[in-house]
PDB file of N, CA and C in Angstrom:
ATOM      1  N   MET A   1      34.550  -5.502   2.115  1.00  0.00           N
ATOM      2  CA  MET A   1      33.833  -4.308   2.461  1.00  0.00           C
ATOM      3  C   MET A   1      34.455  -3.727   3.720  1.00  0.00           C
ATOM      4  N   LEU A   2      34.558  -2.414   3.767  1.00  0.00           N
ATOM      5  CA  LEU A   2      35.155  -1.747   4.912  1.00  0.00           C
ATOM      6  C   LEU A   2      34.090  -1.191   5.825  1.00  0.00           C
ATOM      7  N   THR A   3      34.417  -1.152   7.110  1.00  0.00           N
ATOM      8  CA  THR A   3      33.537  -0.480   8.051  1.00  0.00           C
ATOM      9  C   THR A   3      33.901   0.995   8.042  1.00  0.00           C
ATOM     10  N   SER A   4      33.018   1.809   8.534  1.00  0.00           N
ATOM     11  CA  SER A   4      33.307   3.240   8.580  1.00  0.00           C
ATOM     12  C   SER A   4      34.084   3.567   9.834  1.00  0.00           C
ATOM     13  N   ARG A   5      34.505   4.797   9.925  1.00  0.00           N
ATOM     14  CA  ARG A   5      35.256   5.269  11.086  1.00  0.00           C
ATOM     15  C   ARG A   5      34.323   5.810  12.143  1.00  0.00           C
ATOM     16  N   SER A   6      33.191   5.241  12.347  1.00  0.00           N
ATOM     17  CA  SER A   6      32.277   5.807  13.323  1.00  0.00           C
ATOM     18  C   SER A   6      32.671   5.352  14.723  1.00  0.00           C
ATOM     19  N   PRO A   7      32.485   6.137  15.730  1.00  0.00           N
ATOM     20  CA  PRO A   7      32.011   7.514  15.656  1.00  0.00           C
ATOM     21  C   PRO A   7      33.119   8.443  15.201  1.00  0.00           C
ATOM     22  N   PRO A   8      32.789   9.442  14.377  1.00  0.00           N
ATOM     23  CA  PRO A   8      33.821  10.313  13.817  1.00  0.00           C
ATOM     24  C   PRO A   8      34.612  11.073  14.864  1.00  0.00           C
ATOM     25  N   ALA A   9      34.049  11.281  16.033  1.00  0.00           N
ATOM     26  CA  ALA A   9      34.750  12.038  17.073  1.00  0.00           C
ATOM     27  C   ALA A   9      35.820  11.203  17.767  1.00  0.00           C
ATOM     28  N   SER A  10      35.922   9.937  17.443  1.00  0.00           N
ATOM     29  CA  SER A  10      36.869   9.056  18.097  1.00  0.00           C
ATOM     30  C   SER A  10      38.036   8.735  17.181  1.00  0.00           C
ATOM     31  N   PRO A  11      39.180   9.426  17.338  1.00  0.00           N
ATOM     32  CA  PRO A  11      40.315   9.210  16.435  1.00  0.00           C
ATOM     33  C   PRO A  11      40.962   7.844  16.575  1.00  0.00           C
ATOM     34  N   GLU A  12      40.752   7.166  17.709  1.00  0.00           N
ATOM     35  CA  GLU A  12      41.378   5.859  17.866  1.00  0.00           C
ATOM     36  C   GLU A  12      40.648   4.756  17.111  1.00  0.00           C
ATOM     37  N   VAL A  13      39.471   5.039  16.580  1.00  0.00           N
ATOM     38  CA  VAL A  13      38.748   4.068  15.765  1.00  0.00           C
ATOM     39  C   VAL A  13      39.292   4.168  14.333  1.00  0.00           C
ATOM     40  N   LYS A  14      39.915   3.101  13.882  1.00  0.00           N
ATOM     41  CA  LYS A  14      40.547   3.084  12.563  1.00  0.00           C
ATOM     42  C   LYS A  14      39.694   2.277  11.595  1.00  0.00           C
ATOM     43  N   PRO A  15      39.767   2.610  10.295  1.00  0.00           N
ATOM     44  CA  PRO A  15      39.001   1.828   9.312  1.00  0.00           C
ATOM     45  C   PRO A  15      39.467   0.370   9.306  1.00  0.00           C
ATOM     46  N   ARG A  16      38.488  -0.519   9.282  1.00  0.00           N
ATOM     47  CA  ARG A  16      38.751  -1.962   9.341  1.00  0.00           C
ATOM     48  C   ARG A  16      37.979  -2.679   8.250  1.00  0.00           C
ATOM     49  N   ILE A  17      38.358  -3.910   8.015  1.00  0.00           N
ATOM     50  CA  ILE A  17      37.607  -4.762   7.104  1.00  0.00           C
ATOM     51  C   ILE A  17      36.389  -5.261   7.875  1.00  0.00           C
ATOM     52  N   ALA A  18      35.207  -5.091   7.299  1.00  0.00           N
ATOM     53  CA  ALA A  18      33.952  -5.478   7.955  1.00  0.00           C
ATOM     54  C   ALA A  18      33.995  -6.942   8.366  1.00  0.00           C
ATOM     55  N   GLY A  19      33.574  -7.203   9.603  1.00  0.00           N
ATOM     56  CA  GLY A  19      33.524  -8.568  10.101  1.00  0.00           C
ATOM     57  C   GLY A  19      34.854  -9.085  10.614  1.00  0.00           C
ATOM     58  N   HIS A  20      35.865  -8.239  10.610  1.00  0.00           N
ATOM     59  CA  HIS A  20      37.205  -8.629  11.051  1.00  0.00           C
ATOM     60  C   HIS A  20      37.784  -7.523  11.922  1.00  0.00           C
ATOM     61  N   ARG A  21      38.799  -7.840  12.661  1.00  0.00           N
ATOM     62  CA  ARG A  21      39.488  -6.827  13.462  1.00  0.00           C
ATOM     63  C   ARG A  21      40.707  -6.294  12.719  1.00  0.00           C
ATOM     64  N   ILE A  22      40.837  -6.635  11.461  1.00  0.00           N
ATOM     65  CA  ILE A  22      41.995  -6.236  10.657  1.00  0.00           C
ATOM     66  C   ILE A  22      41.805  -4.815  10.151  1.00  0.00           C
ATOM     67  N   ARG A  23      42.781  -3.963  10.476  1.00  0.00           N
ATOM     68  CA  ARG A  23      42.718  -2.564  10.046  1.00  0.00           C
ATOM     69  C   ARG A  23      43.262  -2.407   8.632  1.00  0.00           C
ATOM     70  N   VAL A  24      42.801  -1.369   7.976  1.00  0.00           N
ATOM     71  CA  VAL A  24      43.315  -1.042   6.645  1.00  0.00           C
ATOM     72  C   VAL A  24      44.825  -0.835   6.720  1.00  0.00           C
ATOM     73  N   GLN A  25      45.293  -0.176   7.777  1.00  0.00           N
ATOM     74  CA  GLN A  25      46.730   0.070   7.871  1.00  0.00           C
ATOM     75  C   GLN A  25      47.512  -1.235   8.000  1.00  0.00           C
ATOM     76  N   ASP A  26      46.928  -2.273   8.594  1.00  0.00           N
ATOM     77  CA  ASP A  26      47.601  -3.576   8.652  1.00  0.00           C
ATOM     78  C   ASP A  26      47.786  -4.138   7.246  1.00  0.00           C
ATOM     79  N   VAL A  27      46.721  -4.086   6.452  1.00  0.00           N
ATOM     80  CA  VAL A  27      46.788  -4.580   5.070  1.00  0.00           C
ATOM     81  C   VAL A  27      47.822  -3.777   4.285  1.00  0.00           C
ATOM     82  N   ALA A  28      47.839  -2.464   4.492  1.00  0.00           N
ATOM     83  CA  ALA A  28      48.803  -1.607   3.792  1.00  0.00           C
ATOM     84  C   ALA A  28      50.237  -1.986   4.154  1.00  0.00           C
ATOM     85  N   ILE A  29      50.493  -2.230   5.425  1.00  0.00           N
ATOM     86  CA  ILE A  29      51.842  -2.620   5.864  1.00  0.00           C
ATOM     87  C   ILE A  29      52.230  -3.955   5.253  1.00  0.00           C
ATOM     88  N   TRP A  30      51.323  -4.915   5.310  1.00  0.00           N
ATOM     89  CA  TRP A  30      51.632  -6.234   4.744  1.00  0.00           C
ATOM     90  C   TRP A  30      51.943  -6.133   3.263  1.00  0.00           C
ATOM     91  N   HIS A  31      51.184  -5.302   2.554  1.00  0.00           N
ATOM     92  CA  HIS A  31      51.351  -5.191   1.105  1.00  0.00           C
ATOM     93  C   HIS A  31      52.541  -4.314   0.732  1.00  0.00           C
ATOM     94  N   GLU A  32      52.625  -3.140   1.339  1.00  0.00           N
ATOM     95  CA  GLU A  32      53.637  -2.157   0.942  1.00  0.00           C
ATOM     96  C   GLU A  32      55.018  -2.437   1.547  1.00  0.00           C
ATOM     97  N   GLU A  33      55.060  -2.799   2.822  1.00  0.00           N
ATOM     98  CA  GLU A  33      56.347  -2.963   3.497  1.00  0.00           C
ATOM     99  C   GLU A  33      56.838  -4.406   3.505  1.00  0.00           C
ATOM    100  N   MET A  34      55.900  -5.340   3.652  1.00  0.00           N
ATOM    101  CA  MET A  34      56.292  -6.748   3.706  1.00  0.00           C
ATOM    102  C   MET A  34      56.207  -7.415   2.340  1.00  0.00           C
ATOM    103  N   ARG A  35      55.723  -6.647   1.353  1.00  0.00           N
ATOM    104  CA  ARG A  35      55.663  -7.082  -0.045  1.00  0.00           C
ATOM    105  C   ARG A  35      54.797  -8.331  -0.248  1.00  0.00           C
ATOM    106  N   MET A  36      53.747  -8.479   0.560  1.00  0.00           N
ATOM    107  CA  MET A  36      52.825  -9.601   0.384  1.00  0.00           C
ATOM    108  C   MET A  36      51.852  -9.274  -0.741  1.00  0.00           C
ATOM    109  N   ALA A  37      51.576 -10.238  -1.580  1.00  0.00           N
ATOM    110  CA  ALA A  37      50.584 -10.068  -2.643  1.00  0.00           C
ATOM    111  C   ALA A  37      49.190 -10.078  -2.029  1.00  0.00           C
ATOM    112  N   ALA A  38      48.247  -9.466  -2.726  1.00  0.00           N
ATOM    113  CA  ALA A  38      46.867  -9.415  -2.230  1.00  0.00           C
ATOM    114  C   ALA A  38      46.314 -10.819  -1.976  1.00  0.00           C
ATOM    115  N   ALA A  39      46.570 -11.742  -2.885  1.00  0.00           N
ATOM    116  CA  ALA A  39      46.086 -13.115  -2.724  1.00  0.00           C
ATOM    117  C   ALA A  39      46.723 -13.789  -1.504  1.00  0.00           C
ATOM    118  N   GLU A  40      47.982 -13.480  -1.244  1.00  0.00           N
ATOM    119  CA  GLU A  40      48.683 -14.037  -0.089  1.00  0.00           C
ATOM    120  C   GLU A  40      48.080 -13.509   1.222  1.00  0.00           C
ATOM    121  N   ILE A  41      47.773 -12.224   1.256  1.00  0.00           N
ATOM    122  CA  ILE A  41      47.140 -11.619   2.432  1.00  0.00           C
ATOM    123  C   ILE A  41      45.772 -12.269   2.665  1.00  0.00           C
ATOM    124  N   ALA A  42      44.999 -12.404   1.594  1.00  0.00           N
ATOM    125  CA  ALA A  42      43.665 -12.996   1.701  1.00  0.00           C
ATOM    126  C   ALA A  42      43.747 -14.405   2.276  1.00  0.00           C
ATOM    127  N   LYS A  43      44.656 -15.202   1.778  1.00  0.00           N
ATOM    128  CA  LYS A  43      44.792 -16.580   2.239  1.00  0.00           C
ATOM    129  C   LYS A  43      45.292 -16.635   3.680  1.00  0.00           C
ATOM    130  N   GLU A  44      46.283 -15.860   3.992  1.00  0.00           N
ATOM    131  CA  GLU A  44      46.901 -15.876   5.326  1.00  0.00           C
ATOM    132  C   GLU A  44      45.927 -15.451   6.428  1.00  0.00           C
ATOM    133  N   TYR A  45      45.059 -14.492   6.126  1.00  0.00           N
ATOM    134  CA  TYR A  45      44.180 -13.920   7.151  1.00  0.00           C
ATOM    135  C   TYR A  45      42.702 -14.252   6.928  1.00  0.00           C
ATOM    136  N   ASP A  46      42.429 -15.236   6.102  1.00  0.00           N
ATOM    137  CA  ASP A  46      41.069 -15.719   5.841  1.00  0.00           C
ATOM    138  C   ASP A  46      40.132 -14.578   5.430  1.00  0.00           C
ATOM    139  N   LEU A  47      40.572 -13.812   4.439  1.00  0.00           N
ATOM    140  CA  LEU A  47      39.795 -12.707   3.884  1.00  0.00           C
ATOM    141  C   LEU A  47      39.446 -13.030   2.444  1.00  0.00           C
ATOM    142  N   SER A  48      38.436 -12.356   1.924  1.00  0.00           N
ATOM    143  CA  SER A  48      38.185 -12.492   0.491  1.00  0.00           C
ATOM    144  C   SER A  48      39.170 -11.577  -0.235  1.00  0.00           C
ATOM    145  N   LEU A  49      39.463 -11.927  -1.457  1.00  0.00           N
ATOM    146  CA  LEU A  49      40.348 -11.080  -2.258  1.00  0.00           C
ATOM    147  C   LEU A  49      39.720  -9.702  -2.444  1.00  0.00           C
ATOM    148  N   ALA A  50      38.401  -9.661  -2.555  1.00  0.00           N
ATOM    149  CA  ALA A  50      37.691  -8.378  -2.681  1.00  0.00           C
ATOM    150  C   ALA A  50      37.915  -7.507  -1.445  1.00  0.00           C
ATOM    151  N   ASP A  51      37.911  -8.117  -0.248  1.00  0.00           N
ATOM    152  CA  ASP A  51      38.165  -7.356   0.978  1.00  0.00           C
ATOM    153  C   ASP A  51      39.562  -6.744   0.964  1.00  0.00           C
ATOM    154  N   VAL A  52      40.538  -7.517   0.551  1.00  0.00           N
ATOM    155  CA  VAL A  52      41.915  -7.020   0.506  1.00  0.00           C
ATOM    156  C   VAL A  52      42.030  -5.876  -0.499  1.00  0.00           C
ATOM    157  N   HIS A  53      41.443  -6.051  -1.671  1.00  0.00           N
ATOM    158  CA  HIS A  53      41.501  -4.987  -2.679  1.00  0.00           C
ATOM    159  C   HIS A  53      40.745  -3.738  -2.215  1.00  0.00           C
ATOM    160  N   ALA A  54      39.637  -3.928  -1.512  1.00  0.00           N
ATOM    161  CA  ALA A  54      38.898  -2.775  -0.983  1.00  0.00           C
ATOM    162  C   ALA A  54      39.750  -2.030   0.042  1.00  0.00           C
ATOM    163  N   ALA A  55      40.438  -2.774   0.903  1.00  0.00           N
ATOM    164  CA  ALA A  55      41.308  -2.148   1.897  1.00  0.00           C
ATOM    165  C   ALA A  55      42.449  -1.392   1.221  1.00  0.00           C
ATOM    166  N   LEU A  56      43.039  -1.990   0.204  1.00  0.00           N
ATOM    167  CA  LEU A  56      44.131  -1.319  -0.513  1.00  0.00           C
ATOM    168  C   LEU A  56      43.628  -0.084  -1.265  1.00  0.00           C
ATOM    169  N   ALA A  57      42.435  -0.171  -1.829  1.00  0.00           N
ATOM    170  CA  ALA A  57      41.855   1.000  -2.512  1.00  0.00           C
ATOM    171  C   ALA A  57      41.614   2.121  -1.511  1.00  0.00           C
ATOM    172  N   TYR A  58      41.081   1.763  -0.341  1.00  0.00           N
ATOM    173  CA  TYR A  58      40.853   2.764   0.705  1.00  0.00           C
ATOM    174  C   TYR A  58      42.179   3.382   1.131  1.00  0.00           C
ATOM    175  N   TYR A  59      43.192   2.547   1.294  1.00  0.00           N
ATOM    176  CA  TYR A  59      44.525   3.036   1.662  1.00  0.00           C
ATOM    177  C   TYR A  59      45.036   4.038   0.629  1.00  0.00           C
ATOM    178  N   HIS A  60      44.923   3.707  -0.636  1.00  0.00           N
ATOM    179  CA  HIS A  60      45.428   4.608  -1.671  1.00  0.00           C
ATOM    180  C   HIS A  60      44.635   5.909  -1.735  1.00  0.00           C
ATOM    181  N   ASP A  61      43.356   5.846  -1.404  1.00  0.00           N
ATOM    182  CA  ASP A  61      42.537   7.067  -1.374  1.00  0.00           C
ATOM    183  C   ASP A  61      42.813   7.923  -0.146  1.00  0.00           C
ATOM    184  N   HIS A  62      43.363   7.329   0.920  1.00  0.00           N
ATOM    185  CA  HIS A  62      43.611   8.036   2.183  1.00  0.00           C
ATOM    186  C   HIS A  62      45.054   7.834   2.640  1.00  0.00           C
ATOM    187  N   ARG A  63      45.944   7.725   1.694  1.00  0.00           N
ATOM    188  CA  ARG A  63      47.330   7.346   1.971  1.00  0.00           C
ATOM    189  C   ARG A  63      48.027   8.261   2.968  1.00  0.00           C
ATOM    190  N   GLN A  64      47.893   9.549   2.793  1.00  0.00           N
ATOM    191  CA  GLN A  64      48.595  10.492   3.669  1.00  0.00           C
ATOM    192  C   GLN A  64      48.154  10.309   5.123  1.00  0.00           C
ATOM    193  N   GLU A  65      46.873  10.197   5.351  1.00  0.00           N
ATOM    194  CA  GLU A  65      46.325  10.031   6.701  1.00  0.00           C
ATOM    195  C   GLU A  65      46.757   8.699   7.316  1.00  0.00           C
ATOM    196  N   ILE A  66      46.682   7.620   6.552  1.00  0.00           N
ATOM    197  CA  ILE A  66      47.032   6.300   7.076  1.00  0.00           C
ATOM    198  C   ILE A  66      48.535   6.185   7.294  1.00  0.00           C
ATOM    199  N   ASP A  67      49.331   6.737   6.389  1.00  0.00           N
ATOM    200  CA  ASP A  67      50.781   6.726   6.589  1.00  0.00           C
ATOM    201  C   ASP A  67      51.162   7.499   7.855  1.00  0.00           C
ATOM    202  N   LYS A  68      50.450   8.582   8.141  1.00  0.00           N
ATOM    203  CA  LYS A  68      50.702   9.340   9.368  1.00  0.00           C
ATOM    204  C   LYS A  68      50.341   8.497  10.586  1.00  0.00           C
ATOM    205  N   ASP A  69      49.220   7.779  10.530  1.00  0.00           N
ATOM    206  CA  ASP A  69      48.834   6.899  11.629  1.00  0.00           C
ATOM    207  C   ASP A  69      49.908   5.837  11.877  1.00  0.00           C
ATOM    208  N   ILE A  70      50.441   5.268  10.804  1.00  0.00           N
ATOM    209  CA  ILE A  70      51.491   4.250  10.922  1.00  0.00           C
ATOM    210  C   ILE A  70      52.741   4.853  11.539  1.00  0.00           C
ATOM    211  N   ALA A  71      53.149   6.028  11.063  1.00  0.00           N
ATOM    212  CA  ALA A  71      54.340   6.698  11.598  1.00  0.00           C
ATOM    213  C   ALA A  71      54.144   7.066  13.067  1.00  0.00           C
ATOM    214  N   ASP A  72      52.956   7.531  13.421  1.00  0.00           N
ATOM    215  CA  ASP A  72      52.669   7.874  14.825  1.00  0.00           C
ATOM    216  C   ASP A  72      52.762   6.639  15.716  1.00  0.00           C
ATOM    217  N   ALA A  73      52.246   5.524  15.247  1.00  0.00           N
ATOM    218  CA  ALA A  73      52.306   4.278  16.016  1.00  0.00           C
ATOM    219  C   ALA A  73      53.755   3.824  16.185  1.00  0.00           C
ATOM    220  N   ASP A  74      54.545   3.933  15.121  1.00  0.00           N
ATOM    221  CA  ASP A  74      55.966   3.565  15.194  1.00  0.00           C
ATOM    222  C   ASP A  74      56.701   4.464  16.183  1.00  0.00           C
ATOM    223  N   ALA A  75      56.405   5.762  16.163  1.00  0.00           N
ATOM    224  CA  ALA A  75      57.045   6.714  17.079  1.00  0.00           C
ATOM    225  C   ALA A  75      56.666   6.404  18.523  1.00  0.00           C
ATOM    226  N   PHE A  76      55.401   6.026  18.748  1.00  0.00           N
ATOM    227  CA  PHE A  76      54.960   5.669  20.092  1.00  0.00           C
ATOM    228  C   PHE A  76      55.735   4.454  20.608  1.00  0.00           C
ATOM    229  N   VAL A  77      55.884   3.452  19.774  1.00  0.00           N
ATOM    230  CA  VAL A  77      56.619   2.247  20.171  1.00  0.00           C
ATOM    231  C   VAL A  77      58.062   2.607  20.520  1.00  0.00           C
ATOM    232  N   GLU A  78      58.692   3.418  19.701  1.00  0.00           N
ATOM    233  CA  GLU A  78      60.078   3.824  19.964  1.00  0.00           C
ATOM    234  C   GLU A  78      60.188   4.613  21.264  1.00  0.00           C
ATOM    235  N   ALA A  79      59.223   5.497  21.515  1.00  0.00           N
ATOM    236  CA  ALA A  79      59.230   6.273  22.757  1.00  0.00           C
ATOM    237  C   ALA A  79      59.094   5.350  23.970  1.00  0.00           C
ATOM    238  N   MET A  80      58.236   4.342  23.862  1.00  0.00           N
ATOM    239  CA  MET A  80      58.070   3.402  24.969  1.00  0.00           C
ATOM    240  C   MET A  80      59.328   2.563  25.186  1.00  0.00           C
ATOM    241  N   LYS A  81      60.006   2.200  24.098  1.00  0.00           N
ATOM    242  CA  LYS A  81      61.257   1.446  24.228  1.00  0.00           C
ATOM    243  C   LYS A  81      62.314   2.286  24.947  1.00  0.00           C
ATOM    244  N   GLN A  82      62.350   3.570  24.649  1.00  0.00           N
ATOM    245  CA  GLN A  82      63.316   4.451  25.306  1.00  0.00           C
ATOM    246  C   GLN A  82      62.946   4.667  26.773  1.00  0.00           C
ATOM    247  N   ARG A  83      61.681   4.837  27.031  1.00  0.00           N
ATOM    248  CA  ARG A  83      61.216   5.121  28.386  1.00  0.00           C
ATOM    249  C   ARG A  83      61.289   3.878  29.284  1.00  0.00           C
ATOM    250  N   TYR A  84      60.994   2.731  28.718  1.00  0.00           N
ATOM    251  CA  TYR A  84      60.965   1.482  29.466  1.00  0.00           C
ATOM    252  C   TYR A  84      61.851   0.443  28.783  1.00  0.00           C
ATOM    253  N   PRO A  85      63.169   0.556  28.952  1.00  0.00           N
ATOM    254  CA  PRO A  85      64.066  -0.380  28.272  1.00  0.00           C
ATOM    255  C   PRO A  85      63.844  -1.823  28.737  1.00  0.00           C
ATOM    256  N   SER A  86      64.135  -2.731  27.860  1.00  0.00           N
ATOM    257  CA  SER A  86      63.993  -4.153  28.168  1.00  0.00           C
ATOM    258  C   SER A  86      64.961  -4.559  29.261  1.00  0.00           C
ATOM    259  N   ARG A  87      64.486  -5.366  30.162  1.00  0.00           N
ATOM    260  CA  ARG A  87      65.350  -5.887  31.223  1.00  0.00           C
ATOM    261  C   ARG A  87      65.991  -7.204  30.808  1.00  0.00           C
ATOM    262  N   VAL A  88      65.588  -7.677  29.638  1.00  0.00           N
ATOM    263  CA  VAL A  88      66.153  -8.925  29.116  1.00  0.00           C
ATOM    264  C   VAL A  88      67.325  -8.578  28.216  1.00  0.00           C
ATOM    265  N   SER A  89      68.465  -9.195  28.466  1.00  0.00           N
ATOM    266  CA  SER A  89      69.614  -8.902  27.605  1.00  0.00           C
ATOM    267  C   SER A  89      70.021 -10.077  26.793  1.00  0.00           C
TER     268      SER A  89
END
């Protein structure tokens, strides 16, 4: 079961799996980019298979918005890497 995005006025609140701090976008990345099966995600993160499928269903229903959130987060990380380069070589 997913939690809602309340409060709606807060864009930094992302949809999550109820009772967990795992975001829908995390499940989407694990499944779509890391090619993890739903059962593998459930086992690895102590979720029910129903929770994983609910997160994936939500992702597919809101794909454009969640993909934009993922791209924005990636762009932020890259900007920080450019602004604050690693001192470790």
